[in-house]
Amino acid sequence: MALQSLQINAITAMRARDVSRPTQEQQEAADRRPLRDEAPRKEPPRREPPYREAPRRG
């Protein structure tokens, strides 16, 4: 396992924390959006059965 040799020091941990934190603009946009269970469900698009030509006699 290559991950066993991975060492995380304080600097790496601080960088990861800063990168994962949303910006103020992203946070405000997320606050304005409805939560997933509060949003109305979208109707799935209705698909018509495939059109098939009648076999030709001839």
N, C-alpha and C. Protein backbone atom coordinates (compact mmCIF):
# COMPACT_ATOMS: atom_id res chain seq x y z
N MET A 1 0.82 -1.20 0.00
CA MET A 1 0.00 0.00 0.00
C MET A 1 0.86 1.25 0.00
N ALA A 2 0.65 2.08 -1.00
CA ALA A 2 1.43 3.30 -1.10
C ALA A 2 0.97 4.35 -0.08
N LEU A 3 -0.30 4.29 0.32
CA LEU A 3 -0.81 5.30 1.24
C LEU A 3 -0.27 5.16 2.65
N GLN A 4 0.26 4.00 2.99
CA GLN A 4 0.80 3.84 4.34
C GLN A 4 2.01 4.73 4.56
N SER A 5 2.72 5.04 3.50
CA SER A 5 3.90 5.87 3.66
C SER A 5 3.57 7.36 3.59
N LEU A 6 2.32 7.70 3.36
CA LEU A 6 1.92 9.10 3.26
C LEU A 6 1.93 9.74 4.65
N GLN A 7 2.66 10.82 4.79
CA GLN A 7 2.70 11.51 6.06
C GLN A 7 2.10 12.89 5.89
N ILE A 8 1.18 13.23 6.76
CA ILE A 8 0.54 14.54 6.71
C ILE A 8 1.08 15.38 7.85
N ASN A 9 1.71 16.48 7.49
CA ASN A 9 2.24 17.36 8.54
C ASN A 9 1.26 18.53 8.74
N ALA A 10 1.58 19.41 9.63
CA ALA A 10 0.69 20.52 9.97
C ALA A 10 0.43 21.43 8.77
N ILE A 11 1.45 21.69 7.97
CA ILE A 11 1.28 22.58 6.82
C ILE A 11 0.32 21.96 5.81
N THR A 12 0.48 20.67 5.54
CA THR A 12 -0.41 19.99 4.60
C THR A 12 -1.85 20.01 5.12
N ALA A 13 -2.03 19.79 6.40
CA ALA A 13 -3.36 19.79 6.98
C ALA A 13 -4.00 21.17 6.88
N MET A 14 -3.24 22.22 7.13
CA MET A 14 -3.77 23.58 7.04
C MET A 14 -4.17 23.93 5.61
N ARG A 15 -3.34 23.51 4.63
CA ARG A 15 -3.67 23.77 3.23
C ARG A 15 -4.95 23.05 2.84
N ALA A 16 -5.09 21.80 3.25
CA ALA A 16 -6.29 21.02 2.92
C ALA A 16 -7.52 21.67 3.54
N ARG A 17 -7.40 22.19 4.73
CA ARG A 17 -8.53 22.83 5.38
C ARG A 17 -8.93 24.11 4.64
N ASP A 18 -7.95 24.90 4.23
CA ASP A 18 -8.24 26.14 3.53
C ASP A 18 -8.87 25.88 2.16
N VAL A 19 -8.40 24.86 1.47
CA VAL A 19 -8.93 24.56 0.14
C VAL A 19 -10.36 24.07 0.23
N SER A 20 -10.67 23.29 1.26
CA SER A 20 -12.00 22.72 1.36
C SER A 20 -13.04 23.71 1.87
N ARG A 21 -12.63 24.85 2.37
CA ARG A 21 -13.57 25.84 2.89
C ARG A 21 -14.12 26.67 1.73
N PRO A 22 -15.47 26.79 1.62
CA PRO A 22 -16.03 27.59 0.53
C PRO A 22 -15.76 29.08 0.74
N THR A 23 -15.71 29.82 -0.36
CA THR A 23 -15.54 31.26 -0.26
C THR A 23 -16.84 31.87 0.26
N GLN A 24 -16.80 33.09 0.66
CA GLN A 24 -17.99 33.79 1.16
C GLN A 24 -19.07 33.82 0.07
N GLU A 25 -18.65 34.07 -1.16
CA GLU A 25 -19.60 34.14 -2.28
C GLU A 25 -20.28 32.77 -2.50
N GLN A 26 -19.49 31.69 -2.44
CA GLN A 26 -20.06 30.35 -2.61
C GLN A 26 -21.01 30.02 -1.46
N GLN A 27 -20.66 30.42 -0.26
CA GLN A 27 -21.51 30.14 0.90
C GLN A 27 -22.84 30.87 0.80
N GLU A 28 -22.80 32.15 0.36
CA GLU A 28 -24.04 32.91 0.22
C GLU A 28 -24.92 32.34 -0.87
N ALA A 29 -24.32 31.89 -1.98
CA ALA A 29 -25.09 31.28 -3.05
C ALA A 29 -25.75 29.99 -2.58
N ALA A 30 -25.03 29.21 -1.79
CA ALA A 30 -25.60 27.96 -1.27
C ALA A 30 -26.73 28.24 -0.29
N ASP A 31 -26.61 29.31 0.48
CA ASP A 31 -27.66 29.65 1.43
C ASP A 31 -28.95 30.08 0.72
N ARG A 32 -28.83 30.65 -0.47
CA ARG A 32 -30.01 31.09 -1.22
C ARG A 32 -30.73 29.93 -1.90
N ARG A 33 -30.01 28.86 -2.22
CA ARG A 33 -30.63 27.71 -2.90
C ARG A 33 -31.45 26.89 -1.92
N PRO A 34 -32.59 26.33 -2.39
CA PRO A 34 -33.35 25.45 -1.49
C PRO A 34 -32.60 24.14 -1.28
N LEU A 35 -32.84 23.55 -0.13
CA LEU A 35 -32.23 22.25 0.15
C LEU A 35 -32.84 21.21 -0.79
N ARG A 36 -32.15 20.10 -0.94
CA ARG A 36 -32.58 19.07 -1.89
C ARG A 36 -34.00 18.57 -1.59
N ASP A 37 -34.32 18.38 -0.32
CA ASP A 37 -35.66 17.88 0.00
C ASP A 37 -36.72 18.98 0.02
N GLU A 38 -36.31 20.24 -0.08
CA GLU A 38 -37.26 21.34 -0.15
C GLU A 38 -37.61 21.71 -1.59
N ALA A 39 -36.79 21.30 -2.53
CA ALA A 39 -37.01 21.66 -3.93
C ALA A 39 -38.09 20.76 -4.52
N PRO A 40 -38.92 21.31 -5.42
CA PRO A 40 -39.94 20.47 -6.05
C PRO A 40 -39.28 19.41 -6.93
N ARG A 41 -39.93 18.25 -7.00
CA ARG A 41 -39.38 17.17 -7.82
C ARG A 41 -39.62 17.48 -9.29
N LYS A 42 -38.63 17.15 -10.08
CA LYS A 42 -38.77 17.35 -11.52
C LYS A 42 -39.42 16.11 -12.12
N GLU A 43 -40.37 16.35 -13.01
CA GLU A 43 -41.00 15.23 -13.71
C GLU A 43 -40.01 14.65 -14.71
N PRO A 44 -39.87 13.34 -14.73
CA PRO A 44 -38.97 12.77 -15.74
C PRO A 44 -39.55 13.00 -17.13
N PRO A 45 -38.71 13.23 -18.12
CA PRO A 45 -39.23 13.49 -19.47
C PRO A 45 -39.98 12.26 -19.97
N ARG A 46 -41.13 12.50 -20.56
CA ARG A 46 -41.92 11.38 -21.07
C ARG A 46 -41.39 10.98 -22.43
N ARG A 47 -41.15 9.71 -22.55
CA ARG A 47 -40.60 9.20 -23.81
C ARG A 47 -41.70 8.44 -24.53
N GLU A 48 -41.86 8.77 -25.77
CA GLU A 48 -42.84 8.07 -26.59
C GLU A 48 -42.23 6.74 -27.01
N PRO A 49 -43.07 5.72 -27.20
CA PRO A 49 -42.50 4.45 -27.69
C PRO A 49 -41.92 4.65 -29.08
N PRO A 50 -40.89 3.92 -29.41
CA PRO A 50 -40.27 4.12 -30.73
C PRO A 50 -41.24 3.83 -31.85
N TYR A 51 -41.20 4.66 -32.87
CA TYR A 51 -42.09 4.52 -34.02
C TYR A 51 -41.55 3.42 -34.92
N ARG A 52 -42.42 2.50 -35.23
CA ARG A 52 -42.04 1.41 -36.13
C ARG A 52 -42.96 1.42 -37.34
N GLU A 53 -42.35 1.34 -38.50
CA GLU A 53 -43.15 1.28 -39.73
C GLU A 53 -43.79 -0.09 -39.85
N ALA A 54 -44.99 -0.11 -40.43
CA ALA A 54 -45.64 -1.38 -40.67
C ALA A 54 -44.88 -2.11 -41.79
N PRO A 55 -44.77 -3.41 -41.66
CA PRO A 55 -44.05 -4.13 -42.73
C PRO A 55 -44.77 -3.98 -44.07
N ARG A 56 -43.99 -3.77 -45.10
CA ARG A 56 -44.57 -3.55 -46.43
C ARG A 56 -44.80 -4.88 -47.13
N ARG A 57 -45.92 -4.96 -47.74
CA ARG A 57 -46.23 -6.16 -48.51
C ARG A 57 -46.06 -5.84 -49.98
N GLY A 58 -45.47 -6.72 -50.66
CA GLY A 58 -45.35 -6.31 -52.03
C GLY A 58 -44.71 -7.26 -52.88
